[in-house]
Protein backbone atom coordinates (compact mmCIF):
# COMPACT_ATOMS: atom_id res chain seq x y z
CA UNK A 1 -18.27 -20.23 -2.08
CA UNK A 2 -17.39 -23.48 -0.33
CA UNK A 3 -15.04 -24.47 -3.15
CA UNK A 4 -13.41 -21.05 -3.14
CA UNK A 5 -12.64 -21.25 0.59
CA UNK A 6 -11.43 -24.82 0.21
CA UNK A 7 -8.96 -23.79 -2.49
CA UNK A 8 -7.95 -20.62 -0.64
CA UNK A 9 -7.08 -22.44 2.58
CA UNK A 10 -4.82 -25.03 0.96
CA UNK A 11 -1.23 -24.65 2.23
CA UNK A 12 0.12 -23.66 -1.21
CA UNK A 13 -2.35 -20.76 -1.53
CA UNK A 14 -2.09 -19.23 1.93
CA UNK A 15 0.93 -17.01 1.08
CA UNK A 16 -0.92 -15.71 -1.98
CA UNK A 17 -3.99 -14.97 0.13
CA UNK A 18 -1.80 -12.99 2.54
CA UNK A 19 0.01 -11.12 -0.24
CA UNK A 20 -3.15 -9.76 -1.88
CA UNK A 21 -4.20 -7.48 1.05
CA UNK A 22 -0.55 -6.64 1.74
CA UNK A 23 -0.01 -5.40 -1.82
CA UNK A 24 -3.25 -3.41 -1.63
CA UNK A 25 -2.09 -1.76 1.59
CA UNK A 26 1.31 -0.86 0.11
CA UNK A 27 -0.31 0.64 -2.99
CA UNK A 28 -2.73 2.69 -0.85
CA UNK A 29 0.13 3.91 1.34
CA UNK A 30 2.27 4.92 -1.65
CA UNK A 31 -0.59 6.82 -3.28
CA UNK A 32 -1.46 8.64 -0.05
CA UNK A 33 2.18 9.70 0.41
CA UNK A 34 2.35 10.87 -3.19
CA UNK A 35 -0.77 13.01 -2.72
CA UNK A 36 0.68 14.47 0.49
CA UNK A 37 3.95 15.29 -1.26
CA UNK A 38 2.13 16.88 -4.20
CA UNK A 39 0.25 19.15 -1.77
CA UNK A 40 3.53 20.23 -0.16
CA UNK A 41 5.03 20.99 -3.58
CA UNK A 42 1.95 23.05 -4.58
CA UNK A 43 2.31 25.03 -1.32
CA UNK A 44 5.92 25.82 -2.24
CA UNK A 45 7.39 23.65 0.50
CA UNK A 46 9.52 21.47 -1.74
CA UNK A 47 12.08 20.93 1.03
CA UNK A 48 9.27 19.65 3.27
CA UNK A 49 8.91 16.59 1.04
CA UNK A 50 12.35 15.33 2.02
CA UNK A 51 11.72 16.12 5.69
CA UNK A 52 8.53 14.08 5.57
CA UNK A 53 10.23 11.19 3.80
CA UNK A 54 12.93 10.75 6.45
CA UNK A 55 10.48 10.74 9.37
C-alpha cells in the first residue's frame, strides 16, 4: 500500500488520480438521466424528456 500511494502522489499521476472519480461520476450521472428519461417515455411524456434536458 505504501508503494501504491507513493506512485499515486507523484506529480505526473495526480491528474489521472483526479480523472478516475470524475469519469465515474459522469458515467453515473449519464445513466441516472437515461433511466429518468426512459421512465418519462414509458409514461407517455415524450415531450417531458426535452423539457428535463434543458433545465
